C-alpha atoms as a PDB file:
ATOM      1  CA  MET A   1      14.924  -0.061   8.878  1.00  0.00           C
ATOM      2  CA  GLY A   2      17.023  -2.324   6.538  1.00  0.00           C
ATOM      3  CA  VAL A   3      15.447  -5.309   8.065  1.00  0.00           C
ATOM      4  CA  PHE A   4      11.911  -4.137   7.842  1.00  0.00           C
ATOM      5  CA  LEU A   5      12.504  -3.105   4.268  1.00  0.00           C
ATOM      6  CA  LEU A   6      13.897  -6.606   3.491  1.00  0.00           C
ATOM      7  CA  ILE A   7      10.599  -8.070   5.140  1.00  0.00           C
ATOM      8  CA  LEU A   8       8.538  -6.057   2.966  1.00  0.00           C
ATOM      9  CA  LEU A   9      10.320  -6.992  -0.195  1.00  0.00           C
ATOM     10  CA  GLN A  10      10.794 -10.790   0.659  1.00  0.00           C
ATOM     11  CA  VAL A  11       7.458 -11.520   2.291  1.00  0.00           C
ATOM     12  CA  ILE A  12       4.897  -8.865   1.806  1.00  0.00           C
ATOM     13  CA  PHE A  13       5.521  -7.740  -1.808  1.00  0.00           C
ATOM     14  CA  PRO A  14       5.261 -11.493  -3.085  1.00  0.00           C
ATOM     15  CA  VAL A  15       1.909 -11.881  -1.289  1.00  0.00           C
ATOM     16  CA  PHE A  16       0.361  -8.620  -2.383  1.00  0.00           C
ATOM     17  CA  ALA A  17       1.956  -9.034  -6.061  1.00  0.00           C
ATOM     18  CA  LEU A  18      -0.116 -12.296  -6.274  1.00  0.00           C
ATOM     19  CA  LEU A  19      -3.086 -10.745  -4.625  1.00  0.00           C
ATOM     20  CA  GLY A  20      -3.044  -7.739  -7.043  1.00  0.00           C
ATOM     21  CA  LEU A  21      -2.520  -9.988 -10.053  1.00  0.00           C
ATOM     22  CA  GLY A  22      -5.378 -12.272  -9.053  1.00  0.00           C
ATOM     23  CA  ALA A  23      -7.706  -8.998  -8.601  1.00  0.00           C
ATOM     24  CA  LEU A  24      -6.426  -7.627 -12.121  1.00  0.00           C
ATOM     25  CA  LEU A  25      -6.996 -10.973 -13.927  1.00  0.00           C
ATOM     26  CA  HIS A  26     -10.431 -11.306 -12.282  1.00  0.00           C
ATOM     27  CA  ARG A  27     -11.451  -8.055 -13.656  1.00  0.00           C
ATOM     28  CA  ARG A  28     -10.335  -8.972 -17.057  1.00  0.00           C
ATOM     29  CA  LEU A  29     -11.082 -12.656 -17.300  1.00  0.00           C
ATOM     30  CA  ARG A  30     -14.033 -12.875 -14.846  1.00  0.00           C
ATOM     31  CA  PHE A  31     -13.049 -15.858 -12.586  1.00  0.00           C
ATOM     32  CA  ASP A  32     -15.573 -17.500 -10.561  1.00  0.00           C
ATOM     33  CA  PRO A  33     -14.327 -16.740  -6.907  1.00  0.00           C
ATOM     34  CA  ARG A  34     -16.741 -19.264  -5.593  1.00  0.00           C
ATOM     35  CA  THR A  35     -15.099 -22.065  -7.748  1.00  0.00           C
ATOM     36  CA  LEU A  36     -11.844 -20.872  -6.910  1.00  0.00           C
ATOM     37  CA  SER A  37     -12.668 -20.847  -3.337  1.00  0.00           C
ATOM     38  CA  ARG A  38     -13.994 -24.500  -3.357  1.00  0.00           C
ATOM     39  CA  LEU A  39     -11.020 -25.556  -5.197  1.00  0.00           C
ATOM     40  CA  THR A  40      -8.533 -24.083  -2.532  1.00  0.00           C
ATOM     41  CA  GLY A  41     -10.669 -25.154   0.471  1.00  0.00           C
ATOM     42  CA  SER A  42     -11.493 -28.809  -0.854  1.00  0.00           C
ATOM     43  CA  VAL A  43      -8.523 -29.660  -2.651  1.00  0.00           C
ATOM     44  CA  LEU A  44      -5.224 -27.555  -2.438  1.00  0.00           C
ATOM     45  CA  LEU A  45      -5.541 -26.742   1.357  1.00  0.00           C
ATOM     46  CA  PRO A  46      -6.352 -30.196   2.499  1.00  0.00           C
ATOM     47  CA  ALA A  47      -3.277 -31.545   0.351  1.00  0.00           C
ATOM     48  CA  LEU A  48      -1.122 -28.810   2.096  1.00  0.00           C
ATOM     49  CA  VAL A  49      -2.293 -29.768   5.411  1.00  0.00           C
ATOM     50  CA  PHE A  50      -1.944 -33.539   4.867  1.00  0.00           C
ATOM     51  CA  ALA A  51       1.512 -33.012   3.459  1.00  0.00           C
ATOM     52  CA  ASN A  52       2.837 -31.049   6.308  1.00  0.00           C
ATOM     53  CA  LEU A  53       1.545 -33.248   8.987  1.00  0.00           C
ATOM     54  CA  TYR A  54       2.692 -36.350   6.964  1.00  0.00           C
ATOM     55  CA  GLU A  55       6.297 -34.978   6.790  1.00  0.00           C
ATOM     56  CA  ALA A  56       6.620 -33.035  10.128  1.00  0.00           C
ATOM     57  CA  ARG A  57       8.050 -34.344  13.238  1.00  0.00           C
ATOM     58  CA  PHE A  58       6.084 -32.960  16.140  1.00  0.00           C
ATOM     59  CA  GLU A  59       7.042 -33.179  19.706  1.00  0.00           C
ATOM     60  CA  ALA A  60       4.219 -33.714  22.133  1.00  0.00           C
ATOM     61  CA  ALA A  61       5.446 -30.792  24.360  1.00  0.00           C
ATOM     62  CA  LEU A  62       5.130 -28.433  21.295  1.00  0.00           C
ATOM     63  CA  VAL A  63       1.731 -29.402  20.370  1.00  0.00           C
ATOM     64  CA  LEU A  64       0.412 -28.929  23.932  1.00  0.00           C
ATOM     65  CA  GLN A  65       2.079 -25.357  24.191  1.00  0.00           C
ATOM     66  CA  VAL A  66       0.545 -24.438  20.992  1.00  0.00           C
ATOM     67  CA  ALA A  67      -2.981 -25.761  21.800  1.00  0.00           C
ATOM     68  CA  LEU A  68      -2.806 -24.041  25.307  1.00  0.00           C
ATOM     69  CA  PHE A  69      -1.871 -20.740  23.758  1.00  0.00           C
ATOM     70  CA  LEU A  70      -4.575 -21.080  20.977  1.00  0.00           C
ATOM     71  CA  LEU A  71      -7.315 -21.901  23.660  1.00  0.00           C
ATOM     72  CA  LEU A  72      -6.273 -18.935  25.801  1.00  0.00           C
ATOM     73  CA  GLN A  73      -5.893 -16.549  22.774  1.00  0.00           C
ATOM     74  CA  ASN A  74      -9.351 -17.344  21.325  1.00  0.00           C
ATOM     75  CA  GLY A  75     -11.168 -17.494  24.725  1.00  0.00           C
ATOM     76  CA  LEU A  76      -9.934 -13.989  25.640  1.00  0.00           C
ATOM     77  CA  LEU A  77     -10.687 -12.579  22.247  1.00  0.00           C
ATOM     78  CA  MET A  78     -14.266 -14.119  22.499  1.00  0.00           C
ATOM     79  CA  ILE A  79     -14.840 -12.504  25.996  1.00  0.00           C
ATOM     80  CA  ALA A  80     -13.549  -9.273  24.925  1.00  0.00           C
ATOM     81  CA  VAL A  81     -15.487  -8.901  21.631  1.00  0.00           C
ATOM     82  CA  GLU A  82     -18.665  -9.857  23.466  1.00  0.00           C
ATOM     83  CA  ALA A  83     -17.926  -7.283  26.213  1.00  0.00           C
ATOM     84  CA  ALA A  84     -17.282  -4.644  23.431  1.00  0.00           C
ATOM     85  CA  ALA A  85     -20.529  -5.370  21.445  1.00  0.00           C
ATOM     86  CA  ARG A  86     -22.490  -4.958  24.519  1.00  0.00           C
ATOM     87  CA  TRP A  87     -20.795  -1.750  25.561  1.00  0.00           C
ATOM     88  CA  LEU A  88     -21.262  -0.352  22.030  1.00  0.00           C
ATOM     89  CA  ARG A  89     -24.963  -1.337  22.050  1.00  0.00           C
ATOM     90  CA  LEU A  90     -24.613  -2.930  18.539  1.00  0.00           C
ATOM     91  CA  GLU A  91     -27.494  -4.033  16.789  1.00  0.00           C
ATOM     92  CA  ALA A  92     -27.831  -7.745  16.963  1.00  0.00           C
ATOM     93  CA  ARG A  93     -26.908  -8.343  13.395  1.00  0.00           C
ATOM     94  CA  THR A  94     -24.002  -5.980  13.509  1.00  0.00           C
ATOM     95  CA  ALA A  95     -22.953  -7.262  16.629  1.00  0.00           C
ATOM     96  CA  SER A  96     -22.794 -10.921  15.292  1.00  0.00           C
ATOM     97  CA  THR A  97     -20.524  -9.734  12.472  1.00  0.00           C
ATOM     98  CA  PHE A  98     -18.199  -7.710  14.762  1.00  0.00           C
ATOM     99  CA  ARG A  99     -17.634 -10.523  16.977  1.00  0.00           C
ATOM    100  CA  ASN A 100     -16.560 -12.874  14.208  1.00  0.00           C
ATOM    101  CA  SER A 101     -14.542 -10.086  12.387  1.00  0.00           C
ATOM    102  CA  ILE A 102     -12.221 -10.008  15.351  1.00  0.00           C
ATOM    103  CA  VAL A 103     -12.162 -13.849  16.270  1.00  0.00           C
ATOM    104  CA  LEU A 104     -11.880 -15.259  12.929  1.00  0.00           C
ATOM    105  CA  PHE A 105      -8.849 -14.541  10.844  1.00  0.00           C
ATOM    106  CA  ASN A 106      -7.426 -15.468   7.527  1.00  0.00           C
ATOM    107  CA  SER A 107      -5.075 -18.211   8.479  1.00  0.00           C
ATOM    108  CA  GLY A 108      -5.726 -20.102   5.065  1.00  0.00           C
ATOM    109  CA  ASN A 109      -5.558 -17.914   2.062  1.00  0.00           C
ATOM    110  CA  PHE A 110      -3.370 -15.268   3.527  1.00  0.00           C
ATOM    111  CA  GLY A 111      -1.551 -16.839   6.806  1.00  0.00           C
ATOM    112  CA  LEU A 112      -0.185 -19.936   5.263  1.00  0.00           C
ATOM    113  CA  PRO A 113       1.457 -18.268   2.206  1.00  0.00           C
ATOM    114  CA  VAL A 114       2.987 -15.699   4.433  1.00  0.00           C
ATOM    115  CA  SER A 115       4.201 -18.391   6.812  1.00  0.00           C
ATOM    116  CA  GLN A 116       5.715 -20.429   3.711  1.00  0.00           C
ATOM    117  CA  LEU A 117       7.604 -17.330   2.821  1.00  0.00           C
ATOM    118  CA  VAL A 118       8.648 -16.466   6.354  1.00  0.00           C
ATOM    119  CA  PHE A 119       9.566 -20.013   7.540  1.00  0.00           C
ATOM    120  CA  ALA A 120      11.039 -21.364   4.241  1.00  0.00           C
ATOM    121  CA  ALA A 121      14.039 -22.574   5.958  1.00  0.00           C
ATOM    122  CA  GLN A 122      12.392 -23.525   9.392  1.00  0.00           C
ATOM    123  CA  PRO A 123       9.651 -26.131   8.700  1.00  0.00           C
ATOM    124  CA  VAL A 124       8.570 -26.063  12.360  1.00  0.00           C
ATOM    125  CA  GLY A 125       7.230 -22.760  11.765  1.00  0.00           C
ATOM    126  CA  MET A 126       5.203 -23.728   8.879  1.00  0.00           C
ATOM    127  CA  SER A 127       3.897 -26.810  10.935  1.00  0.00           C
ATOM    128  CA  ILE A 128       2.835 -24.497  13.756  1.00  0.00           C
ATOM    129  CA  GLN A 129       0.905 -22.479  11.299  1.00  0.00           C
ATOM    130  CA  ILE A 130      -0.826 -25.559  10.173  1.00  0.00           C
ATOM    131  CA  ILE A 131      -2.026 -26.271  13.507  1.00  0.00           C
ATOM    132  CA  VAL A 132      -3.308 -22.789  13.929  1.00  0.00           C
ATOM    133  CA  THR A 133      -5.105 -23.166  10.528  1.00  0.00           C
ATOM    134  CA  LEU A 134      -6.864 -26.532  11.905  1.00  0.00           C
ATOM    135  CA  PHE A 135      -7.894 -24.753  15.068  1.00  0.00           C
ATOM    136  CA  GLN A 136      -9.288 -21.777  13.230  1.00  0.00           C
ATOM    137  CA  THR A 137     -11.208 -24.310  10.976  1.00  0.00           C
ATOM    138  CA  LEU A 138     -12.694 -25.644  14.228  1.00  0.00           C
ATOM    139  CA  VAL A 139     -13.574 -22.222  15.765  1.00  0.00           C
ATOM    140  CA  THR A 140     -15.033 -20.858  12.457  1.00  0.00           C
ATOM    141  CA  ASN A 141     -17.388 -23.937  11.938  1.00  0.00           C
ATOM    142  CA  THR A 142     -18.396 -23.907  15.692  1.00  0.00           C
ATOM    143  CA  TYR A 143     -18.142 -20.506  17.388  1.00  0.00           C
ATOM    144  CA  GLY A 144     -18.270 -18.471  14.058  1.00  0.00           C
ATOM    145  CA  LEU A 145     -21.132 -20.296  12.466  1.00  0.00           C
ATOM    146  CA  PHE A 146     -23.100 -20.317  15.716  1.00  0.00           C
ATOM    147  CA  ASN A 147     -22.504 -16.765  16.360  1.00  0.00           C
ATOM    148  CA  ALA A 148     -23.855 -15.822  12.611  1.00  0.00           C
ATOM    149  CA  MET A 149     -26.906 -18.174  13.193  1.00  0.00           C
ATOM    150  CA  ARG A 150     -27.957 -17.388  16.636  1.00  0.00           C
ATOM    151  CA  VAL A 151     -29.274 -14.020  15.514  1.00  0.00           C
ATOM    152  CA  GLU A 152     -32.335 -16.291  14.029  1.00  0.00           C
ATOM    153  CA  ALA A 153     -31.993 -19.914  15.055  1.00  0.00           C
ATOM    154  CA  PRO A 154     -29.705 -22.061  17.126  1.00  0.00           C
ATOM    155  CA  GLY A 155     -26.179 -22.896  15.477  1.00  0.00           C
ATOM    156  CA  TRP A 156     -25.516 -26.414  16.787  1.00  0.00           C
ATOM    157  CA  ARG A 157     -26.235 -27.502  13.281  1.00  0.00           C
ATOM    158  CA  ALA A 158     -22.670 -26.293  12.460  1.00  0.00           C
ATOM    159  CA  LEU A 159     -21.111 -29.332  14.236  1.00  0.00           C
ATOM    160  CA  ARG A 160     -22.413 -31.564  11.504  1.00  0.00           C
ATOM    161  CA  GLY A 161     -20.529 -29.812   8.821  1.00  0.00           C
ATOM    162  CA  LEU A 162     -17.396 -29.894  10.883  1.00  0.00           C
ATOM    163  CA  PHE A 163     -16.931 -33.625  10.938  1.00  0.00           C
ATOM    164  CA  PHE A 164     -17.104 -33.829   6.931  1.00  0.00           C
ATOM    165  CA  ASN A 165     -14.831 -30.771   6.316  1.00  0.00           C
ATOM    166  CA  PRO A 166     -11.935 -31.853   3.808  1.00  0.00           C
ATOM    167  CA  ILE A 167      -9.503 -29.885   5.713  1.00  0.00           C
ATOM    168  CA  VAL A 168     -10.424 -31.909   9.094  1.00  0.00           C
ATOM    169  CA  LEU A 169     -10.495 -35.205   7.026  1.00  0.00           C
ATOM    170  CA  ALA A 170      -6.777 -34.327   5.910  1.00  0.00           C
ATOM    171  CA  MET A 171      -5.676 -33.505   9.229  1.00  0.00           C
ATOM    172  CA  LEU A 172      -6.920 -36.923  10.656  1.00  0.00           C
ATOM    173  CA  ALA A 173      -5.332 -38.874   7.813  1.00  0.00           C
ATOM    174  CA  GLY A 174      -2.131 -36.974   8.304  1.00  0.00           C
ATOM    175  CA  ILE A 175      -2.104 -37.610  12.191  1.00  0.00           C
ATOM    176  CA  ALA A 176      -2.963 -41.230  11.365  1.00  0.00           C
ATOM    177  CA  PHE A 177       0.103 -41.702   9.129  1.00  0.00           C
ATOM    178  CA  GLN A 178       2.267 -40.015  11.770  1.00  0.00           C
ATOM    179  CA  ALA A 179       1.120 -42.279  14.459  1.00  0.00           C
ATOM    180  CA  THR A 180       1.516 -45.304  12.774  1.00  0.00           C
ATOM    181  CA  GLY A 181       4.712 -44.505  10.834  1.00  0.00           C
ATOM    182  CA  VAL A 182       3.223 -45.985   7.500  1.00  0.00           C
ATOM    183  CA  ARG A 183       4.932 -44.392   4.569  1.00  0.00           C
ATOM    184  CA  LEU A 184       3.187 -43.926   1.324  1.00  0.00           C
ATOM    185  CA  PRO A 185       4.623 -45.297  -2.027  1.00  0.00           C
ATOM    186  CA  ASP A 186       6.187 -42.723  -4.152  1.00  0.00           C
ATOM    187  CA  PHE A 187       3.690 -42.760  -6.952  1.00  0.00           C
ATOM    188  CA  VAL A 188       0.939 -41.762  -4.429  1.00  0.00           C
ATOM    189  CA  TRP A 189       2.995 -39.265  -2.554  1.00  0.00           C
ATOM    190  CA  ARG A 190       4.255 -37.249  -5.460  1.00  0.00           C
ATOM    191  CA  PRO A 191       0.775 -36.052  -6.855  1.00  0.00           C
ATOM    192  CA  ILE A 192      -0.161 -35.122  -3.249  1.00  0.00           C
ATOM    193  CA  ASP A 193       3.043 -33.241  -2.876  1.00  0.00           C
ATOM    194  CA  THR A 194       2.596 -31.558  -6.245  1.00  0.00           C
ATOM    195  CA  VAL A 195      -1.051 -30.389  -5.460  1.00  0.00           C
ATOM    196  CA  ALA A 196       0.165 -29.003  -2.151  1.00  0.00           C
ATOM    197  CA  SER A 197       2.897 -26.894  -3.788  1.00  0.00           C
ATOM    198  CA  ALA A 198       0.267 -25.205  -5.910  1.00  0.00           C
ATOM    199  CA  PHE A 199      -1.464 -23.904  -2.885  1.00  0.00           C
ATOM    200  CA  LEU A 200       0.520 -20.583  -2.324  1.00  0.00           C
ATOM    201  CA  ALA A 201      -0.235 -19.070  -5.776  1.00  0.00           C
ATOM    202  CA  VAL A 202      -3.720 -20.214  -6.249  1.00  0.00           C
ATOM    203  CA  ALA A 203      -4.836 -19.335  -2.768  1.00  0.00           C
ATOM    204  CA  LEU A 204      -3.538 -15.703  -3.160  1.00  0.00           C
ATOM    205  CA  PHE A 205      -5.031 -15.360  -6.697  1.00  0.00           C
ATOM    206  CA  THR A 206      -8.350 -16.510  -5.114  1.00  0.00           C
ATOM    207  CA  LEU A 207      -8.286 -13.892  -2.373  1.00  0.00           C
ATOM    208  CA  GLY A 208      -7.278 -11.285  -4.903  1.00  0.00           C
ATOM    209  CA  ALA A 209     -10.345 -12.296  -7.152  1.00  0.00           C
ATOM    210  CA  GLN A 210     -12.477 -12.301  -3.900  1.00  0.00           C
ATOM    211  CA  ILE A 211     -11.484  -8.633  -2.811  1.00  0.00           C
ATOM    212  CA  ALA A 212     -11.406  -7.195  -6.354  1.00  0.00           C
ATOM    213  CA  GLY A 213     -15.232  -6.412  -6.454  1.00  0.00           C
ATOM    214  CA  LEU A 214     -15.173  -4.916  -2.726  1.00  0.00           C
ATOM    215  CA  ARG A 215     -15.639  -1.217  -1.969  1.00  0.00           C
ATOM    216  CA  LEU A 216     -14.989   0.945   1.111  1.00  0.00           C
ATOM    217  CA  ARG A 217     -17.524   3.439   2.052  1.00  0.00           C
ATOM    218  CA  ARG A 218     -16.895   6.065   4.716  1.00  0.00           C
ATOM    219  CA  PRO A 219     -15.526   4.211   7.798  1.00  0.00           C
ATOM    220  CA  SER A 220     -17.847   3.398  10.569  1.00  0.00           C
ATOM    221  CA  LEU A 221     -17.024   2.983  14.368  1.00  0.00           C
ATOM    222  CA  PRO A 222     -17.459  -0.791  14.023  1.00  0.00           C
ATOM    223  CA  LEU A 223     -15.273  -1.004  11.137  1.00  0.00           C
ATOM    224  CA  LEU A 224     -12.494   1.017  12.609  1.00  0.00           C
ATOM    225  CA  LEU A 225     -12.800  -1.101  15.984  1.00  0.00           C
ATOM    226  CA  THR A 226     -12.628  -4.132  13.894  1.00  0.00           C
ATOM    227  CA  ALA A 227      -9.300  -3.113  12.191  1.00  0.00           C
ATOM    228  CA  ALA A 228      -7.807  -2.008  15.416  1.00  0.00           C
ATOM    229  CA  GLY A 229      -8.880  -5.228  17.137  1.00  0.00           C
ATOM    230  CA  ARG A 230      -7.813  -7.599  14.439  1.00  0.00           C
ATOM    231  CA  LEU A 231      -4.441  -5.876  13.438  1.00  0.00           C
ATOM    232  CA  LEU A 232      -3.489  -4.243  16.819  1.00  0.00           C
ATOM    233  CA  VAL A 233      -5.041  -5.844  19.909  1.00  0.00           C
ATOM    234  CA  SER A 234      -5.011  -9.532  18.656  1.00  0.00           C
ATOM    235  CA  PRO A 235      -1.149  -9.392  18.138  1.00  0.00           C
ATOM    236  CA  ALA A 236      -0.732  -7.459  21.460  1.00  0.00           C
ATOM    237  CA  LEU A 237      -2.674 -10.181  23.067  1.00  0.00           C
ATOM    238  CA  ALA A 238      -0.583 -12.859  21.341  1.00  0.00           C
ATOM    239  CA  LEU A 239       2.646 -11.131  22.533  1.00  0.00           C
ATOM    240  CA  GLY A 240       1.347 -11.052  26.280  1.00  0.00           C
ATOM    241  CA  LEU A 241       0.382 -14.629  26.154  1.00  0.00           C
ATOM    242  CA  ILE A 242       3.826 -15.684  24.565  1.00  0.00           C
ATOM    243  CA  LEU A 243       5.670 -14.083  27.349  1.00  0.00           C
ATOM    244  CA  ALA A 244       3.340 -15.180  29.994  1.00  0.00           C
ATOM    245  CA  LEU A 245       3.665 -18.889  28.705  1.00  0.00           C
ATOM    246  CA  GLY A 246       7.451 -18.481  28.276  1.00  0.00           C
ATOM    247  CA  LEU A 247       7.464 -19.387  24.625  1.00  0.00           C
ATOM    248  CA  GLN A 248      10.575 -19.012  22.795  1.00  0.00           C
ATOM    249  CA  GLY A 249      12.210 -19.172  19.288  1.00  0.00           C
ATOM    250  CA  VAL A 250      10.410 -20.298  16.111  1.00  0.00           C
ATOM    251  CA  THR A 251       7.374 -21.152  18.139  1.00  0.00           C
ATOM    252  CA  ALA A 252       6.958 -17.796  19.458  1.00  0.00           C
ATOM    253  CA  GLN A 253       7.450 -16.367  16.236  1.00  0.00           C
ATOM    254  CA  ALA A 254       5.018 -18.341  14.456  1.00  0.00           C
ATOM    255  CA  LEU A 255       2.062 -17.679  17.014  1.00  0.00           C
ATOM    256  CA  LEU A 256       3.003 -13.940  17.438  1.00  0.00           C
ATOM    257  CA  ILE A 257       2.769 -13.552  13.400  1.00  0.00           C
ATOM    258  CA  ALA A 258      -0.341 -15.597  13.263  1.00  0.00           C
ATOM    259  CA  GLY A 259      -2.054 -13.227  15.665  1.00  0.00           C
ATOM    260  CA  SER A 260      -1.636 -10.390  13.133  1.00  0.00           C
ATOM    261  CA  PHE A 261      -3.546 -11.730  10.142  1.00  0.00           C
ATOM    262  CA  PRO A 262      -6.533  -9.896   8.686  1.00  0.00           C
ATOM    263  CA  CYS A 263     -10.241 -10.777   8.806  1.00  0.00           C
ATOM    264  CA  SER A 264     -11.394 -14.258   7.510  1.00  0.00           C
ATOM    265  CA  ARG A 265     -13.287 -14.378   4.330  1.00  0.00           C
ATOM    266  CA  ASN A 266     -15.536 -16.829   5.862  1.00  0.00           C
ATOM    267  CA  MET A 267     -16.638 -14.216   8.136  1.00  0.00           C
ATOM    268  CA  ALA A 268     -17.954 -12.282   5.310  1.00  0.00           C
ATOM    269  CA  GLN A 269     -19.630 -15.361   3.731  1.00  0.00           C
ATOM    270  CA  PHE A 270     -21.481 -15.851   6.948  1.00  0.00           C
ATOM    271  CA  ALA A 271     -22.736 -12.333   7.167  1.00  0.00           C
ATOM    272  CA  MET A 272     -23.927 -12.524   3.561  1.00  0.00           C
ATOM    273  CA  GLU A 273     -25.798 -15.904   4.165  1.00  0.00           C
ATOM    274  CA  TYR A 274     -27.306 -14.885   7.488  1.00  0.00           C
ATOM    275  CA  GLY A 275     -28.058 -11.325   6.409  1.00  0.00           C
ATOM    276  CA  ASN A 276     -25.887  -9.849   9.351  1.00  0.00           C
ATOM    277  CA  ASP A 277     -24.735  -6.614   7.957  1.00  0.00           C
ATOM    278  CA  PRO A 278     -22.827  -7.999   4.860  1.00  0.00           C
ATOM    279  CA  ASP A 279     -21.678  -4.578   3.516  1.00  0.00           C
ATOM    280  CA  TYR A 280     -19.862  -4.007   7.000  1.00  0.00           C
ATOM    281  CA  ALA A 281     -18.220  -7.626   6.804  1.00  0.00           C
ATOM    282  CA  ALA A 282     -16.918  -7.145   3.307  1.00  0.00           C
ATOM    283  CA  GLU A 283     -15.323  -3.741   4.162  1.00  0.00           C
ATOM    284  CA  ALA A 284     -13.647  -5.335   7.256  1.00  0.00           C
ATOM    285  CA  VAL A 285     -11.956  -7.929   4.939  1.00  0.00           C
ATOM    286  CA  LEU A 286     -10.823  -5.370   2.297  1.00  0.00           C
ATOM    287  CA  LEU A 287      -9.569  -2.869   4.867  1.00  0.00           C
ATOM    288  CA  THR A 288      -7.816  -5.242   7.116  1.00  0.00           C
ATOM    289  CA  THR A 289      -6.321  -7.071   4.209  1.00  0.00           C
ATOM    290  CA  LEU A 290      -4.893  -3.738   2.759  1.00  0.00           C
ATOM    291  CA  LEU A 291      -3.565  -2.621   6.200  1.00  0.00           C
ATOM    292  CA  SER A 292      -2.057  -5.793   6.930  1.00  0.00           C
ATOM    293  CA  SER A 293       0.524  -5.033   4.214  1.00  0.00           C
ATOM    294  CA  LEU A 294       2.224  -2.865   6.955  1.00  0.00           C
ATOM    295  CA  THR A 295       0.947  -4.429  10.260  1.00  0.00           C
ATOM    296  CA  VAL A 296       1.925  -7.872   9.347  1.00  0.00           C
ATOM    297  CA  ALA A 297       5.493  -6.735   8.184  1.00  0.00           C
ATOM    298  CA  ALA A 298       5.959  -4.999  11.444  1.00  0.00           C
ATOM    299  CA  THR A 299       4.847  -8.061  13.364  1.00  0.00           C
ATOM    300  CA  VAL A 300       7.245 -10.221  11.323  1.00  0.00           C
ATOM    301  CA  PHE A 301      10.098  -7.741  12.087  1.00  0.00           C
ATOM    302  CA  ALA A 302       9.150  -7.518  15.903  1.00  0.00           C
ATOM    303  CA  ALA A 303       8.832 -11.416  16.015  1.00  0.00           C
ATOM    304  CA  GLN A 304      12.331 -11.931  14.428  1.00  0.00           C
ATOM    305  CA  ARG A 305      13.848  -9.283  16.734  1.00  0.00           C
ATOM    306  CA  LEU A 306      12.124 -10.363  20.087  1.00  0.00           C
ATOM    307  CA  PHE A 307      12.365 -14.247  19.428  1.00  0.00           C
ATOM    308  CA  ALA A 308      15.750 -14.699  17.466  1.00  0.00           C
END
């Protein structure tokens, strides 16, 4: 219990303190969440991705292990949510949001700050979370957007936006510098590193401002299943795959923790843009974010105990 309380105080409390402060300041100062979101997604997160890839020292075997895990995890989740949506006989628009609410998770504004705190002394853990975030960007801009659009129209147009995504461009630049061994001059590197360092606080402020106006109605069956699927089934599936693949140490910890993050804000944005039950989508983001204060803490505790 002492270790669990320590995790709550050192990891979860700082995250939710900044979330709460962001929500409070938004109510008083009326931030523009869309502008904050664009700042985070177009400037701060790409800088963080580039900085971590530029400084990291990846082993090919590690990258292959993580890639295999993510392919299996996401593939199994996609199959499971498709089967569940058909079994529940959900209306097409609700089914679209239901699928995205479980497959897409908040690896950016929530996952990276949590990982920065958990793996402060273990850079490889943060690097793995960067890979997870990049993979989620790919899934969001392909499967997620296609799933949101397919109610009315083919979704292959989503692929165009993927290639011009700032996060993907930052990833490619970081990989290029890694592969060539070229080092940036100090006067170029320092501004990038400074911008990357601002990510944690601004990302959590932004998420707090985004959820400040959300409200929970009476929980529906799809909403409860989303919460269970995202916060319980997903980490359980991650644990099963970790054991099946024989992953150990920080790699296993990082992937298990990543499997427990709450619903993605992008999922709610897709639902609003395409009219796919946006109220349900917003409630899913709010409920899973609130409940994750306990479930993510429990997952961090389990990860550190199982894969010390």
